[in-house]
Amino acid sequence: MTLLLIAATAAVSLMMLMAWLPEFRAKGALLRRWSKGGGEPRCSKAVQSVVEAFIQGFSDIHNLTVTETARIREMKSRPGMMPVTLLLHPQLVRREKGRFARGRNLTAVFVSTGVSALIMPPLAGMAMHNMSLWLLPFLNTAVFFAGLQLLRYAYSDLGLMNVLVTGKAD
């Protein structure tokens, strides 16, 4: 049982690390910082080109029209509302009948978060009796909260992206 829980912890930790990888890259951090910092109009051309590259990349992956891409580009004037999570993680959603819906990768993040919540209590109990397992509950807690945060941001951005692309509210 212990080996099964350790393997499950390792699997969900690696899955969550792979899901968060775009956030750790320099350009991903720059996009997030630009969004949080208000995206001042006097930003350097390098920052503007990174933002534009993320928008174009999202547009290319989901085959958006020029009009739909232009609606997303208009959000550069309001960087606090920019759907940064979906620009960083375009694989979390898929296009379905003109709207964005939850993709396989977002479902995988959801399942990993649930699995980490399910295996956390038994691992904590085992760690109380075996000091060599003390790191596993902490790892599961980190995975759980990282998954929760990614889900929260992705679902929020999903609604905003549907409004931007279709031009009408849900």
C-alpha atoms as a PDB file:
ATOM      1  CA  MET A   1       0.000   0.000   0.000  1.00  0.00           C
ATOM      2  CA  THR A   2       2.821   2.356   0.860  1.00  0.00           C
ATOM      3  CA  LEU A   3       4.495   1.835  -2.499  1.00  0.00           C
ATOM      4  CA  LEU A   4       1.227   2.477  -4.297  1.00  0.00           C
ATOM      5  CA  LEU A   5       0.731   5.772  -2.449  1.00  0.00           C
ATOM      6  CA  ILE A   6       4.327   6.804  -3.095  1.00  0.00           C
ATOM      7  CA  ALA A   7       3.924   6.005  -6.810  1.00  0.00           C
ATOM      8  CA  ALA A   8       0.646   7.949  -6.947  1.00  0.00           C
ATOM      9  CA  THR A   9       2.296  10.917  -5.237  1.00  0.00           C
ATOM     10  CA  ALA A  10       5.178  10.854  -7.700  1.00  0.00           C
ATOM     11  CA  ALA A  11       2.815  10.593 -10.673  1.00  0.00           C
ATOM     12  CA  VAL A  12       0.561  13.481  -9.678  1.00  0.00           C
ATOM     13  CA  SER A  13       3.572  15.607  -8.723  1.00  0.00           C
ATOM     14  CA  LEU A  14       5.190  15.100 -12.111  1.00  0.00           C
ATOM     15  CA  MET A  15       1.900  15.753 -13.891  1.00  0.00           C
ATOM     16  CA  MET A  16       1.397  19.009 -11.999  1.00  0.00           C
ATOM     17  CA  LEU A  17       4.994  20.046 -12.633  1.00  0.00           C
ATOM     18  CA  MET A  18       4.466  19.514 -16.361  1.00  0.00           C
ATOM     19  CA  ALA A  19       1.220  21.506 -16.212  1.00  0.00           C
ATOM     20  CA  TRP A  20       2.963  24.426 -14.491  1.00  0.00           C
ATOM     21  CA  LEU A  21       6.096  24.370 -16.662  1.00  0.00           C
ATOM     22  CA  PRO A  22       5.076  27.346 -18.885  1.00  0.00           C
ATOM     23  CA  GLU A  23       4.743  29.491 -15.748  1.00  0.00           C
ATOM     24  CA  PHE A  24       8.361  28.787 -14.806  1.00  0.00           C
ATOM     25  CA  ARG A  25       9.857  29.810 -18.122  1.00  0.00           C
ATOM     26  CA  ALA A  26      11.250  33.326 -18.433  1.00  0.00           C
ATOM     27  CA  LYS A  27       8.729  34.476 -21.045  1.00  0.00           C
ATOM     28  CA  GLY A  28       5.837  33.053 -19.024  1.00  0.00           C
ATOM     29  CA  ALA A  29       6.976  34.894 -15.919  1.00  0.00           C
ATOM     30  CA  LEU A  30       7.391  38.064 -17.974  1.00  0.00           C
ATOM     31  CA  LEU A  31       3.828  37.786 -19.303  1.00  0.00           C
ATOM     32  CA  ARG A  32       2.475  37.227 -15.789  1.00  0.00           C
ATOM     33  CA  ARG A  33       4.487  40.186 -14.438  1.00  0.00           C
ATOM     34  CA  TRP A  34       3.302  42.410 -17.310  1.00  0.00           C
ATOM     35  CA  SER A  35      -0.293  41.529 -16.533  1.00  0.00           C
ATOM     36  CA  LYS A  36       0.052  42.162 -12.793  1.00  0.00           C
ATOM     37  CA  GLY A  37       2.040  45.359 -13.274  1.00  0.00           C
ATOM     38  CA  GLY A  38      -0.651  47.109 -15.241  1.00  0.00           C
ATOM     39  CA  GLY A  39       1.065  46.779 -18.622  1.00  0.00           C
ATOM     40  CA  GLU A  40       2.167  50.365 -18.804  1.00  0.00           C
ATOM     41  CA  PRO A  41       1.985  51.815 -22.317  1.00  0.00           C
ATOM     42  CA  ARG A  42       5.653  52.716 -22.130  1.00  0.00           C
ATOM     43  CA  CYS A  43       6.681  49.050 -21.806  1.00  0.00           C
ATOM     44  CA  SER A  44       9.645  48.085 -23.868  1.00  0.00           C
ATOM     45  CA  LYS A  45       9.217  46.675 -27.323  1.00  0.00           C
ATOM     46  CA  ALA A  46      10.635  43.371 -26.083  1.00  0.00           C
ATOM     47  CA  VAL A  47       7.822  43.001 -23.543  1.00  0.00           C
ATOM     48  CA  GLN A  48       5.224  43.976 -26.136  1.00  0.00           C
ATOM     49  CA  SER A  49       6.654  41.418 -28.560  1.00  0.00           C
ATOM     50  CA  VAL A  50       6.456  38.665 -25.908  1.00  0.00           C
ATOM     51  CA  VAL A  51       2.806  39.515 -25.233  1.00  0.00           C
ATOM     52  CA  GLU A  52       2.087  39.557 -28.952  1.00  0.00           C
ATOM     53  CA  ALA A  53       3.849  36.201 -29.413  1.00  0.00           C
ATOM     54  CA  PHE A  54       1.666  34.575 -26.747  1.00  0.00           C
ATOM     55  CA  ILE A  55      -1.499  35.957 -28.328  1.00  0.00           C
ATOM     56  CA  GLN A  56      -0.414  34.798 -31.773  1.00  0.00           C
ATOM     57  CA  GLY A  57       0.561  31.377 -30.421  1.00  0.00           C
ATOM     58  CA  PHE A  58      -2.855  30.917 -28.807  1.00  0.00           C
ATOM     59  CA  SER A  59      -4.508  32.055 -32.013  1.00  0.00           C
ATOM     60  CA  ASP A  60      -2.469  29.637 -34.125  1.00  0.00           C
ATOM     61  CA  ILE A  61      -3.110  26.649 -31.859  1.00  0.00           C
ATOM     62  CA  HIS A  62      -6.878  27.208 -31.856  1.00  0.00           C
ATOM     63  CA  ASN A  63      -7.175  28.460 -35.474  1.00  0.00           C
ATOM     64  CA  LEU A  64      -8.791  31.768 -34.554  1.00  0.00           C
ATOM     65  CA  THR A  65      -9.857  34.157 -37.262  1.00  0.00           C
ATOM     66  CA  VAL A  66      -8.246  37.556 -37.688  1.00  0.00           C
ATOM     67  CA  THR A  67     -11.278  39.209 -36.065  1.00  0.00           C
ATOM     68  CA  GLU A  68     -11.186  36.897 -33.050  1.00  0.00           C
ATOM     69  CA  THR A  69      -7.453  37.443 -32.618  1.00  0.00           C
ATOM     70  CA  ALA A  70      -7.969  41.198 -32.850  1.00  0.00           C
ATOM     71  CA  ARG A  71     -10.481  41.029 -29.972  1.00  0.00           C
ATOM     72  CA  ILE A  72      -7.847  39.366 -27.800  1.00  0.00           C
ATOM     73  CA  ARG A  73      -5.226  41.922 -28.890  1.00  0.00           C
ATOM     74  CA  GLU A  74      -7.556  44.730 -27.803  1.00  0.00           C
ATOM     75  CA  MET A  75      -7.230  43.412 -24.249  1.00  0.00           C
ATOM     76  CA  LYS A  76      -3.606  44.620 -24.192  1.00  0.00           C
ATOM     77  CA  SER A  77      -5.008  47.977 -23.111  1.00  0.00           C
ATOM     78  CA  ARG A  78      -6.435  46.247 -19.998  1.00  0.00           C
ATOM     79  CA  PRO A  79      -3.659  43.854 -18.960  1.00  0.00           C
ATOM     80  CA  GLY A  80      -5.232  43.072 -15.586  1.00  0.00           C
ATOM     81  CA  MET A  81      -8.100  41.410 -17.449  1.00  0.00           C
ATOM     82  CA  MET A  82      -5.932  39.605 -19.998  1.00  0.00           C
ATOM     83  CA  PRO A  83      -6.546  35.814 -19.901  1.00  0.00           C
ATOM     84  CA  VAL A  84      -2.902  35.134 -19.096  1.00  0.00           C
ATOM     85  CA  THR A  85      -3.411  31.570 -17.855  1.00  0.00           C
ATOM     86  CA  LEU A  86      -4.908  30.422 -21.150  1.00  0.00           C
ATOM     87  CA  LEU A  87      -2.272  32.308 -23.130  1.00  0.00           C
ATOM     88  CA  LEU A  88       0.394  30.473 -21.130  1.00  0.00           C
ATOM     89  CA  HIS A  89      -1.441  27.133 -21.244  1.00  0.00           C
ATOM     90  CA  PRO A  90      -3.372  27.017 -24.544  1.00  0.00           C
ATOM     91  CA  GLN A  91      -3.497  23.214 -24.383  1.00  0.00           C
ATOM     92  CA  LEU A  92      -5.878  23.340 -21.394  1.00  0.00           C
ATOM     93  CA  VAL A  93      -8.837  24.209 -23.630  1.00  0.00           C
ATOM     94  CA  ARG A  94     -10.160  23.087 -26.983  1.00  0.00           C
ATOM     95  CA  ARG A  95     -12.378  24.798 -29.493  1.00  0.00           C
ATOM     96  CA  GLU A  96     -15.793  23.243 -29.878  1.00  0.00           C
ATOM     97  CA  LYS A  97     -18.527  24.748 -32.078  1.00  0.00           C
ATOM     98  CA  GLY A  98     -16.971  28.210 -31.976  1.00  0.00           C
ATOM     99  CA  ARG A  99     -16.595  28.241 -28.178  1.00  0.00           C
ATOM    100  CA  PHE A 100     -13.863  27.120 -25.855  1.00  0.00           C
ATOM    101  CA  ALA A 101     -14.450  24.101 -23.645  1.00  0.00           C
ATOM    102  CA  ARG A 102     -12.446  22.145 -21.118  1.00  0.00           C
ATOM    103  CA  GLY A 103      -9.716  20.148 -22.805  1.00  0.00           C
ATOM    104  CA  ARG A 104      -8.088  16.847 -21.892  1.00  0.00           C
ATOM    105  CA  ASN A 105      -5.203  18.549 -20.108  1.00  0.00           C
ATOM    106  CA  LEU A 106      -7.543  20.580 -17.907  1.00  0.00           C
ATOM    107  CA  THR A 107      -9.368  17.358 -17.053  1.00  0.00           C
ATOM    108  CA  ALA A 108      -6.014  15.781 -16.180  1.00  0.00           C
ATOM    109  CA  VAL A 109      -5.210  18.680 -13.841  1.00  0.00           C
ATOM    110  CA  PHE A 110      -8.651  18.273 -12.256  1.00  0.00           C
ATOM    111  CA  VAL A 111      -8.112  14.527 -11.742  1.00  0.00           C
ATOM    112  CA  SER A 112      -4.589  15.036 -10.369  1.00  0.00           C
ATOM    113  CA  THR A 113      -5.892  17.565  -7.865  1.00  0.00           C
ATOM    114  CA  GLY A 114      -8.571  15.116  -6.772  1.00  0.00           C
ATOM    115  CA  VAL A 115      -6.127  12.224  -6.494  1.00  0.00           C
ATOM    116  CA  SER A 116      -3.764  14.302  -4.383  1.00  0.00           C
ATOM    117  CA  ALA A 117      -6.676  15.170  -2.065  1.00  0.00           C
ATOM    118  CA  LEU A 118      -7.631  11.483  -1.763  1.00  0.00           C
ATOM    119  CA  ILE A 119      -4.172  10.164  -0.980  1.00  0.00           C
ATOM    120  CA  MET A 120      -3.202  12.987   1.367  1.00  0.00           C
ATOM    121  CA  PRO A 121      -4.885  11.614   4.558  1.00  0.00           C
ATOM    122  CA  PRO A 122      -3.432   8.078   4.367  1.00  0.00           C
ATOM    123  CA  LEU A 123       0.017   9.472   3.597  1.00  0.00           C
ATOM    124  CA  ALA A 124      -0.185  11.847   6.539  1.00  0.00           C
ATOM    125  CA  GLY A 125      -1.088   8.922   8.784  1.00  0.00           C
ATOM    126  CA  MET A 126       1.787   6.848   7.443  1.00  0.00           C
ATOM    127  CA  ALA A 127       4.193   9.758   7.849  1.00  0.00           C
ATOM    128  CA  MET A 128       3.270  10.041  11.526  1.00  0.00           C
ATOM    129  CA  HIS A 129       4.558   6.506  12.085  1.00  0.00           C
ATOM    130  CA  ASN A 130       7.425   6.506   9.612  1.00  0.00           C
ATOM    131  CA  MET A 131       9.624   9.584   9.622  1.00  0.00           C
ATOM    132  CA  SER A 132      11.119   8.754   6.212  1.00  0.00           C
ATOM    133  CA  LEU A 133       7.742   9.495   4.578  1.00  0.00           C
ATOM    134  CA  TRP A 134       7.312  12.994   6.052  1.00  0.00           C
ATOM    135  CA  LEU A 135       7.947  14.740   2.730  1.00  0.00           C
ATOM    136  CA  LEU A 136       5.071  13.034   0.886  1.00  0.00           C
ATOM    137  CA  PRO A 137       2.155  14.810   2.657  1.00  0.00           C
ATOM    138  CA  PHE A 138       3.842  18.159   2.051  1.00  0.00           C
ATOM    139  CA  LEU A 139       4.330  17.298  -1.613  1.00  0.00           C
ATOM    140  CA  ASN A 140       0.669  16.296  -1.909  1.00  0.00           C
ATOM    141  CA  THR A 141      -0.429  19.510  -0.240  1.00  0.00           C
ATOM    142  CA  ALA A 142       1.650  21.544  -2.683  1.00  0.00           C
ATOM    143  CA  VAL A 143       0.235  19.595  -5.636  1.00  0.00           C
ATOM    144  CA  PHE A 144      -3.309  20.076  -4.366  1.00  0.00           C
ATOM    145  CA  PHE A 145      -3.025  23.832  -3.970  1.00  0.00           C
ATOM    146  CA  ALA A 146      -1.130  24.258  -7.258  1.00  0.00           C
ATOM    147  CA  GLY A 147      -3.859  22.324  -9.053  1.00  0.00           C
ATOM    148  CA  LEU A 148      -6.580  24.313  -7.338  1.00  0.00           C
ATOM    149  CA  GLN A 149      -4.979  27.591  -8.363  1.00  0.00           C
ATOM    150  CA  LEU A 150      -4.494  26.498 -11.968  1.00  0.00           C
ATOM    151  CA  LEU A 151      -8.107  25.292 -12.164  1.00  0.00           C
ATOM    152  CA  ARG A 152      -9.428  28.523 -10.687  1.00  0.00           C
ATOM    153  CA  TYR A 153      -7.477  30.714 -13.102  1.00  0.00           C
ATOM    154  CA  ALA A 154      -8.198  28.514 -16.120  1.00  0.00           C
ATOM    155  CA  TYR A 155     -11.959  28.412 -15.564  1.00  0.00           C
ATOM    156  CA  SER A 156     -12.038  32.160 -14.990  1.00  0.00           C
ATOM    157  CA  ASP A 157     -10.095  32.762 -18.190  1.00  0.00           C
ATOM    158  CA  LEU A 158     -12.270  30.263 -20.060  1.00  0.00           C
ATOM    159  CA  GLY A 159     -15.372  32.396 -19.521  1.00  0.00           C
ATOM    160  CA  LEU A 160     -13.518  35.574 -20.452  1.00  0.00           C
ATOM    161  CA  MET A 161     -12.044  33.998 -23.581  1.00  0.00           C
ATOM    162  CA  ASN A 162     -15.497  32.858 -24.721  1.00  0.00           C
ATOM    163  CA  VAL A 163     -16.820  36.396 -24.309  1.00  0.00           C
ATOM    164  CA  LEU A 164     -13.830  37.842 -26.172  1.00  0.00           C
ATOM    165  CA  VAL A 165     -13.894  35.421 -29.066  1.00  0.00           C
ATOM    166  CA  THR A 166     -17.654  35.142 -29.606  1.00  0.00           C
ATOM    167  CA  GLY A 167     -18.396  38.745 -28.692  1.00  0.00           C
ATOM    168  CA  LYS A 168     -21.322  37.776 -26.470  1.00  0.00           C
ATOM    169  CA  ALA A 169     -21.733  36.691 -22.855  1.00  0.00           C
ATOM    170  CA  ASP A 170     -22.713  33.148 -21.870  1.00  0.00           C
END
